[in-house]
Amino acid sequence: MKIKYTSIYACLIYIIVFLNLGFFNLIMPFEYTGMLLAAVISIITFFIYIFQPVKYKLPGKWYQIYLMLIFCIYIYHFFNLKKTNISSMTLLSAFNNNEGIFLLLLVFPIYEILKGNDKEKFLKNLAILGYLALMIRLIVWGMYNFINIDIAPYMIRGLDWNRMVLGRSFIRVSGTFLDIYTFIYSINAFFKSIYSHHYKISAFIGILFIFLYSVLISQYRMVSLALLSVLILVILKETYNSQRRLLNVLLFIMLIILIMIIGHGIIMNFINSFSLNASTGSSTSTRLNGLPFIEEEWKNSSIWNGFGFSNDNMTYMNMTYWLSDYGFLANLFQFGIIGFLICLVPFIYGIYFSIVSFFKEKNIYVLGFTVYLLITSTTFNPMRNQYISILPFYIAFMLFYKERNKI
């Protein structure tokens, strides 16, 4: 039996996703090792794609140009590491912290899968991996907080990484880079079931599970806000494009009421947490206090090219600030105005595509990814660490639906 190229790509991508979902953190610290292996497999997958005799052509040239410019920026800063290094970072350390850039090569094979016959199977398997990762993290969180058993110390960042929920302090366990994909997949499955009159309660439970996970377990405020924003916009989009508008409006109202009933106290705590005077406001105030220092380092180096690669933790006046806490803005400080604008390209295109296709196309993936990434990029840098793992899927979906709808 002849093995299809898309089957090879799918298997390799499953491995990459599995590595970066943190499953091995159950037994050992594996984030950096996982990303290194993921980068190597991404390069191998790309070379297999290059030698594939017959393949689909990516629409337009913007992604190829963007990819070339991104690699040029990284190569430039690798060669200028000694000149611009503000944290005495070694070349090996700089590579270990930025090797995730090679995952952008996956856009080509992912696009090939989306254009093929195994698309639905591929999307479903990704969602299964996403749910499996969250379920394991839920078990780890529950066992630690309720029966004080730590079965996965490398998934729990520290005893001080906690927040109050309904008057009780809980140790937090972070979500994954795949949460937004799994969330959108579940929303899409739910609406498909409505249109086909085969209502899927499992899809609705999945939507609720991922949202409540962000509120109760990972307790990332911007993630919760992003997921809620995605859900509201998708419902509005589906309502406008549907022949069953009344049904969708009723579902929307029922969903909002359900969220308010279940999580009234949680929602109030969430809103209050943005206050600098709140117990959870220290993280926000720390970011604001460190901003002038990091901005000064950027200006003293080069506003056009930035201060280059640096360690995530930066110390100033006996205070430690984390560059990753500044989200996408960190790219401005590291790569300057030129690099920052280049890094923005996929997001600008995603905004344009989402606006143009909002009232025309029933696809919700690009809209969901765009809204989520724009909101969470205030605190997470999607160009770094495990977070970059979602970018090839985001870009591949954009290219796929651009070609399908001739936008």
Protein backbone atom coordinates (compact mmCIF):
# COMPACT_ATOMS: atom_id res chain seq x y z
CA MET A 1 0.00 0.00 0.00
CA LYS A 2 1.34 3.40 -1.00
CA ILE A 3 1.76 5.85 1.88
CA LYS A 4 0.53 9.33 1.11
CA TYR A 5 2.68 12.36 1.81
CA THR A 6 -0.15 13.93 3.78
CA SER A 7 -0.24 10.89 6.08
CA ILE A 8 3.49 11.30 6.77
CA TYR A 9 3.01 15.02 7.46
CA ALA A 10 0.10 14.34 9.78
CA CYS A 11 2.05 11.77 11.84
CA LEU A 12 5.06 14.06 12.19
CA ILE A 13 2.86 17.02 13.16
CA TYR A 14 1.07 14.91 15.78
CA ILE A 15 4.49 14.13 17.29
CA ILE A 16 5.45 17.83 17.31
CA VAL A 17 2.15 18.81 18.92
CA PHE A 18 2.48 16.00 21.48
CA LEU A 19 6.00 17.15 22.40
CA ASN A 20 4.91 20.75 22.93
CA LEU A 21 1.72 19.96 24.85
CA GLY A 22 3.79 19.06 27.90
CA PHE A 23 2.88 15.38 28.33
CA PHE A 24 6.47 14.54 29.27
CA ASN A 25 6.37 17.19 32.00
CA LEU A 26 4.55 14.57 34.03
CA ILE A 27 7.91 12.89 34.67
CA MET A 28 10.65 15.43 33.84
CA PRO A 29 11.28 19.06 32.84
CA PHE A 30 10.87 18.76 29.10
CA GLU A 31 9.92 22.16 27.62
CA TYR A 32 13.30 23.01 26.08
CA THR A 33 14.05 19.44 25.02
CA GLY A 34 10.57 19.13 23.53
CA MET A 35 10.97 22.33 21.54
CA LEU A 36 14.39 21.25 20.26
CA LEU A 37 12.98 17.94 19.05
CA ALA A 38 9.97 19.74 17.57
CA ALA A 39 12.29 22.10 15.66
CA VAL A 40 14.34 19.20 14.28
CA ILE A 41 11.21 17.29 13.20
CA SER A 42 9.84 20.49 11.61
CA ILE A 43 12.97 20.83 9.48
CA ILE A 44 12.75 17.15 8.47
CA THR A 45 9.07 17.56 7.59
CA PHE A 46 9.86 20.62 5.48
CA PHE A 47 12.57 18.77 3.53
CA ILE A 48 10.14 15.92 2.85
CA TYR A 49 7.71 18.55 1.55
CA ILE A 50 10.38 20.06 -0.72
CA PHE A 51 11.03 16.69 -2.36
CA GLN A 52 7.33 15.89 -2.77
CA PRO A 53 6.93 15.71 -6.56
CA VAL A 54 3.38 17.07 -6.83
CA LYS A 55 2.03 19.55 -4.28
CA TYR A 56 -0.37 22.44 -3.91
CA LYS A 57 0.96 25.94 -4.41
CA LEU A 58 0.45 28.41 -1.60
CA PRO A 59 -1.76 31.32 -2.70
CA GLY A 60 0.15 34.58 -3.11
CA LYS A 61 3.73 35.23 -2.08
CA TRP A 62 3.29 37.12 1.16
CA TYR A 63 4.01 34.16 3.42
CA GLN A 64 7.19 33.14 1.63
CA ILE A 65 8.43 36.75 1.86
CA TYR A 66 7.46 36.96 5.53
CA LEU A 67 9.23 33.68 6.31
CA MET A 68 12.39 34.80 4.54
CA LEU A 69 12.42 38.14 6.40
CA ILE A 70 11.84 36.48 9.78
CA PHE A 71 14.79 34.14 9.26
CA CYS A 72 16.91 37.11 8.11
CA ILE A 73 16.11 38.93 11.37
CA TYR A 74 17.08 35.92 13.47
CA ILE A 75 20.28 35.29 11.50
CA TYR A 76 21.22 38.97 11.82
CA HIS A 77 20.82 38.90 15.60
CA PHE A 78 22.70 35.61 15.93
CA PHE A 79 25.69 37.16 14.15
CA ASN A 80 25.42 40.37 16.18
CA LEU A 81 24.96 38.63 19.51
CA LYS A 82 28.29 39.83 20.94
CA LYS A 83 27.68 43.43 19.86
CA THR A 84 24.11 43.81 21.09
CA ASN A 85 24.07 41.27 23.94
CA ILE A 86 22.74 42.97 27.10
CA SER A 87 22.53 39.81 29.22
CA SER A 88 25.74 37.93 28.32
CA MET A 89 23.75 35.26 26.51
CA THR A 90 25.76 32.56 24.76
CA LEU A 91 25.10 31.58 21.15
CA LEU A 92 23.86 28.15 22.28
CA SER A 93 21.51 29.71 24.83
CA ALA A 94 20.19 32.14 22.19
CA PHE A 95 19.47 29.23 19.87
CA ASN A 96 17.77 27.19 22.62
CA ASN A 97 15.47 30.11 23.40
CA ASN A 98 14.52 30.81 19.78
CA GLU A 99 14.62 27.46 17.98
CA GLY A 100 10.82 27.45 17.81
CA ILE A 101 11.07 29.71 14.77
CA PHE A 102 11.65 26.57 12.69
CA LEU A 103 8.05 25.51 13.41
CA LEU A 104 6.95 28.17 10.91
CA LEU A 105 8.17 25.76 8.21
CA LEU A 106 5.17 23.57 9.08
CA VAL A 107 2.82 25.95 7.28
CA PHE A 108 3.63 24.21 3.98
CA PRO A 109 2.80 20.61 5.03
CA ILE A 110 -0.23 21.74 7.09
CA TYR A 111 -1.59 23.54 4.04
CA GLU A 112 -1.06 20.36 2.04
CA ILE A 113 -3.11 18.40 4.61
CA LEU A 114 -5.92 20.97 4.62
CA LYS A 115 -6.17 20.72 0.84
CA GLY A 116 -6.27 16.92 0.94
CA ASN A 117 -8.95 14.34 1.73
CA ASP A 118 -7.80 13.69 5.29
CA LYS A 119 -8.48 17.20 6.54
CA GLU A 120 -11.38 16.35 8.89
CA LYS A 121 -9.54 13.39 10.42
CA PHE A 122 -6.47 15.57 11.00
CA LEU A 123 -8.50 18.34 12.66
CA LYS A 124 -10.32 15.87 14.90
CA ASN A 125 -7.10 14.21 16.05
CA LEU A 126 -5.59 17.59 16.93
CA ALA A 127 -8.64 18.39 19.06
CA ILE A 128 -8.35 15.01 20.81
CA LEU A 129 -4.72 15.78 21.70
CA GLY A 130 -5.77 19.19 22.99
CA TYR A 131 -8.51 17.77 25.22
CA LEU A 132 -6.25 14.98 26.47
CA ALA A 133 -3.59 17.49 27.53
CA LEU A 134 -6.15 19.59 29.44
CA MET A 135 -7.71 16.56 31.12
CA ILE A 136 -4.31 15.45 32.42
CA ARG A 137 -3.63 18.96 33.72
CA LEU A 138 -7.06 19.00 35.35
CA ILE A 139 -6.23 15.77 37.21
CA VAL A 140 -2.84 17.17 38.31
CA TRP A 141 -4.53 20.38 39.52
CA GLY A 142 -7.31 18.55 41.36
CA MET A 143 -5.02 16.10 43.14
CA TYR A 144 -2.70 18.86 44.33
CA ASN A 145 -5.35 21.34 45.48
CA PHE A 146 -7.84 18.92 47.06
CA ILE A 147 -5.83 15.97 48.37
CA ASN A 148 -2.35 17.57 48.42
CA ILE A 149 -0.68 14.97 46.19
CA ASP A 150 1.81 16.28 43.64
CA ILE A 151 1.97 13.73 40.83
CA ALA A 152 3.55 16.11 38.31
CA PRO A 153 5.88 18.65 39.96
CA TYR A 154 7.13 19.86 36.59
CA MET A 155 3.63 20.99 35.58
CA ILE A 156 3.26 23.12 38.71
CA ARG A 157 5.41 26.23 38.47
CA GLY A 158 5.65 26.93 42.19
CA LEU A 159 3.75 27.28 45.42
CA ASP A 160 3.60 31.06 44.95
CA TRP A 161 1.90 30.70 41.55
CA ASN A 162 -1.64 30.85 42.88
CA ARG A 163 -4.75 33.01 42.94
CA MET A 164 -7.91 33.25 44.97
CA VAL A 165 -11.07 31.68 43.56
CA LEU A 166 -14.30 32.00 45.52
CA GLY A 167 -12.39 32.83 48.69
CA ARG A 168 -9.89 29.97 48.42
CA SER A 169 -6.31 29.98 47.17
CA PHE A 170 -5.55 27.46 44.40
CA ILE A 171 -2.22 26.52 42.84
CA ARG A 172 -2.53 27.18 39.12
CA VAL A 173 -1.74 24.85 36.23
CA SER A 174 -1.27 26.55 32.88
CA GLY A 175 -3.17 25.72 29.73
CA THR A 176 -1.60 24.84 26.38
CA PHE A 177 -0.90 26.56 23.08
CA LEU A 178 -3.59 24.35 21.48
CA ASP A 179 -6.45 25.56 23.70
CA ILE A 180 -7.71 28.10 21.19
CA TYR A 181 -7.73 25.54 18.36
CA THR A 182 -9.62 23.01 20.50
CA PHE A 183 -12.05 25.74 21.56
CA ILE A 184 -12.77 26.82 17.96
CA TYR A 185 -13.04 23.21 16.81
CA SER A 186 -15.69 22.57 19.49
CA ILE A 187 -17.64 25.71 18.55
CA ASN A 188 -17.53 24.71 14.90
CA ALA A 189 -18.70 21.17 15.73
CA PHE A 190 -21.53 22.57 17.85
CA PHE A 191 -22.87 24.82 15.09
CA LYS A 192 -22.51 22.07 12.49
CA SER A 193 -24.62 19.82 14.70
CA ILE A 194 -27.31 22.50 14.92
CA TYR A 195 -27.45 22.93 11.17
CA SER A 196 -27.66 19.15 10.61
CA HIS A 197 -30.25 18.69 13.42
CA HIS A 198 -27.88 16.28 15.21
CA TYR A 199 -27.26 18.26 18.37
CA LYS A 200 -23.91 17.50 19.99
CA ILE A 201 -23.99 18.07 23.72
CA SER A 202 -20.36 16.91 23.84
CA ALA A 203 -19.28 19.90 21.74
CA PHE A 204 -21.13 22.28 24.09
CA ILE A 205 -19.52 20.62 27.13
CA GLY A 206 -16.14 21.01 25.43
CA ILE A 207 -16.69 24.75 24.94
CA LEU A 208 -17.70 25.18 28.57
CA PHE A 209 -14.81 23.01 29.82
CA ILE A 210 -12.10 24.99 28.04
CA PHE A 211 -13.56 28.33 29.16
CA LEU A 212 -13.91 27.24 32.80
CA TYR A 213 -10.40 25.77 32.71
CA SER A 214 -9.02 29.20 31.80
CA VAL A 215 -11.01 30.85 34.60
CA LEU A 216 -10.56 28.33 37.42
CA ILE A 217 -7.40 26.33 36.75
CA SER A 218 -4.92 28.30 34.65
CA GLN A 219 -6.50 31.59 35.80
CA TYR A 220 -5.05 33.56 32.90
CA ARG A 221 -7.25 36.63 32.78
CA MET A 222 -6.46 37.57 29.18
CA VAL A 223 -7.05 34.00 27.99
CA SER A 224 -10.51 33.97 29.62
CA LEU A 225 -11.29 37.35 28.07
CA ALA A 226 -10.04 36.18 24.67
CA LEU A 227 -12.08 32.95 24.72
CA LEU A 228 -15.23 34.83 25.71
CA SER A 229 -14.63 37.40 22.96
CA VAL A 230 -14.12 34.66 20.38
CA LEU A 231 -17.32 32.92 21.46
CA ILE A 232 -19.40 36.11 21.26
CA LEU A 233 -18.04 37.14 17.85
CA VAL A 234 -18.47 33.65 16.40
CA ILE A 235 -22.08 33.50 17.61
CA LEU A 236 -22.76 36.92 16.06
CA LYS A 237 -21.13 35.80 12.80
CA GLU A 238 -23.05 32.52 12.70
CA THR A 239 -26.28 34.31 13.58
CA TYR A 240 -25.85 36.74 10.68
CA ASN A 241 -24.98 34.01 8.17
CA SER A 242 -27.58 31.50 9.35
CA GLN A 243 -31.13 30.91 8.17
CA ARG A 244 -31.96 30.02 11.77
CA ARG A 245 -31.14 33.39 13.26
CA LEU A 246 -33.79 33.21 15.94
CA LEU A 247 -32.44 29.87 17.19
CA ASN A 248 -28.91 31.24 17.32
CA VAL A 249 -30.02 34.36 19.17
CA LEU A 250 -31.81 32.22 21.76
CA LEU A 251 -28.72 30.02 22.13
CA PHE A 252 -26.59 33.10 22.58
CA ILE A 253 -28.86 34.49 25.31
CA MET A 254 -29.04 31.11 27.06
CA LEU A 255 -25.26 30.77 26.98
CA ILE A 256 -24.68 34.20 28.50
CA ILE A 257 -27.27 33.50 31.23
CA LEU A 258 -25.65 30.12 31.96
CA ILE A 259 -22.19 31.68 32.26
CA MET A 260 -23.53 34.39 34.56
CA ILE A 261 -25.34 31.88 36.80
CA ILE A 262 -22.42 29.46 37.04
CA GLY A 263 -19.66 31.99 37.38
CA HIS A 264 -21.05 35.19 38.89
CA GLY A 265 -18.54 35.17 41.75
CA ILE A 266 -15.75 34.05 39.45
CA ILE A 267 -16.54 36.81 36.95
CA MET A 268 -16.51 39.48 39.67
CA ASN A 269 -13.15 38.22 40.96
CA PHE A 270 -11.88 38.24 37.39
CA ILE A 271 -12.93 41.88 36.84
CA ASN A 272 -11.52 42.98 40.20
CA SER A 273 -8.21 41.23 39.48
CA PHE A 274 -7.32 43.92 36.92
CA SER A 275 -7.17 46.50 39.71
CA LEU A 276 -3.64 47.40 40.83
CA ASN A 277 -4.94 47.45 44.39
CA ALA A 278 -6.20 43.86 44.23
CA SER A 279 -4.21 40.96 45.60
CA THR A 280 -3.64 39.79 42.02
CA GLY A 281 -2.69 43.25 40.82
CA SER A 282 0.98 42.84 41.76
CA SER A 283 1.79 41.13 38.47
CA THR A 284 0.30 44.03 36.53
CA SER A 285 2.12 46.66 38.60
CA THR A 286 5.42 44.76 38.23
CA ARG A 287 5.08 44.80 34.45
CA LEU A 288 4.37 48.54 34.47
CA ASN A 289 7.30 49.26 36.80
CA GLY A 290 9.74 47.35 34.60
CA LEU A 291 8.60 48.90 31.32
CA PRO A 292 10.70 52.13 31.58
CA PHE A 293 13.86 50.08 32.27
CA ILE A 294 13.38 47.75 29.30
CA GLU A 295 12.37 50.67 27.07
CA GLU A 296 15.58 52.50 28.03
CA GLU A 297 17.68 49.44 27.17
CA TRP A 298 15.98 49.32 23.77
CA LYS A 299 16.62 53.02 23.07
CA ASN A 300 20.24 52.77 24.17
CA SER A 301 20.83 49.84 21.78
CA SER A 302 18.92 50.66 18.58
CA ILE A 303 15.29 51.58 18.14
CA TRP A 304 15.41 50.16 14.60
CA ASN A 305 17.11 46.83 15.34
CA GLY A 306 16.44 46.39 19.09
CA PHE A 307 18.80 44.96 21.68
CA GLY A 308 18.68 41.48 20.17
CA PHE A 309 18.41 38.16 21.95
CA SER A 310 18.44 38.26 25.73
CA ASN A 311 17.57 36.13 28.71
CA ASP A 312 13.92 36.23 29.66
CA ASN A 313 14.69 37.45 33.18
CA MET A 314 16.24 40.91 33.46
CA THR A 315 17.32 42.43 36.80
CA TYR A 316 17.10 46.13 37.60
CA MET A 317 17.44 47.72 41.07
CA ASN A 318 17.12 44.32 42.81
CA MET A 319 13.90 43.56 40.92
CA THR A 320 13.56 40.81 38.32
CA TYR A 321 11.44 41.51 35.26
CA TRP A 322 10.45 38.93 32.69
CA LEU A 323 10.59 39.97 29.06
CA SER A 324 7.93 37.41 28.16
CA ASP A 325 5.47 39.24 30.45
CA TYR A 326 5.31 42.05 27.89
CA GLY A 327 3.80 39.82 25.25
CA PHE A 328 4.16 40.81 21.63
CA LEU A 329 5.72 44.13 22.67
CA ALA A 330 8.89 42.19 23.57
CA ASN A 331 9.53 41.81 19.83
CA LEU A 332 9.82 45.61 19.54
CA PHE A 333 12.48 45.69 22.25
CA GLN A 334 14.39 42.68 20.91
CA PHE A 335 14.13 43.21 17.15
CA GLY A 336 13.45 46.94 16.92
CA ILE A 337 10.90 48.74 14.79
CA ILE A 338 11.94 46.85 11.63
CA GLY A 339 11.62 43.39 13.20
CA PHE A 340 8.46 44.32 15.06
CA LEU A 341 6.69 45.37 11.85
CA ILE A 342 7.77 42.14 10.12
CA CYS A 343 6.51 40.05 13.04
CA LEU A 344 3.15 41.84 12.73
CA VAL A 345 2.54 40.76 9.13
CA PRO A 346 0.46 37.57 9.78
CA PHE A 347 -1.67 39.37 12.35
CA ILE A 348 -2.35 42.32 10.07
CA TYR A 349 -3.35 39.91 7.32
CA GLY A 350 -5.49 37.97 9.82
CA ILE A 351 -7.33 41.16 10.82
CA TYR A 352 -7.92 42.05 7.17
CA PHE A 353 -9.12 38.54 6.34
CA SER A 354 -11.43 38.40 9.37
CA ILE A 355 -13.08 41.73 8.49
CA VAL A 356 -13.47 40.96 4.79
CA SER A 357 -14.87 37.47 5.37
CA PHE A 358 -16.99 38.21 8.47
CA PHE A 359 -20.28 38.52 6.60
CA LYS A 360 -19.37 36.27 3.68
CA GLU A 361 -17.67 33.09 4.85
CA LYS A 362 -18.96 30.62 7.44
CA ASN A 363 -15.42 29.61 8.41
CA ILE A 364 -14.66 30.66 11.99
CA TYR A 365 -11.07 29.47 12.40
CA VAL A 366 -9.27 32.58 11.12
CA LEU A 367 -11.59 34.92 13.04
CA GLY A 368 -11.17 32.91 16.24
CA PHE A 369 -7.40 32.65 15.98
CA THR A 370 -7.05 36.35 15.17
CA VAL A 371 -9.18 37.62 18.05
CA TYR A 372 -7.56 35.23 20.53
CA LEU A 373 -3.98 36.03 19.50
CA LEU A 374 -4.56 39.78 19.46
CA ILE A 375 -5.93 39.77 23.01
CA THR A 376 -3.52 37.26 24.56
CA SER A 377 -0.50 38.85 22.84
CA THR A 378 -0.68 41.58 25.46
CA THR A 379 0.78 39.09 27.96
CA PHE A 380 2.09 36.17 25.83
CA ASN A 381 4.61 36.48 23.03
CA PRO A 382 3.38 34.24 20.18
CA MET A 383 6.86 34.33 18.63
CA ARG A 384 8.50 32.57 21.56
CA ASN A 385 8.47 29.35 23.59
CA GLN A 386 5.61 26.87 23.12
CA TYR A 387 3.25 29.66 22.06
CA ILE A 388 4.83 29.83 18.60
CA SER A 389 3.50 26.32 17.99
CA ILE A 390 0.06 27.73 17.16
CA LEU A 391 1.30 30.14 14.47
CA PRO A 392 1.80 27.60 11.64
CA PHE A 393 -1.80 26.41 12.11
CA TYR A 394 -3.10 29.99 12.15
CA ILE A 395 -1.23 30.94 8.97
CA ALA A 396 -2.09 27.68 7.18
CA PHE A 397 -5.80 28.22 7.89
CA MET A 398 -5.54 31.76 6.49
CA LEU A 399 -3.92 30.53 3.29
CA PHE A 400 -6.36 27.65 2.93
CA TYR A 401 -9.49 29.80 3.25
CA LYS A 402 -7.99 32.56 1.12
CA GLU A 403 -7.58 30.07 -1.72
CA ARG A 404 -10.98 28.47 -1.16
CA ASN A 405 -12.86 31.77 -1.13
CA LYS A 406 -10.61 33.76 -3.47
CA ILE A 407 -10.22 36.59 -0.94
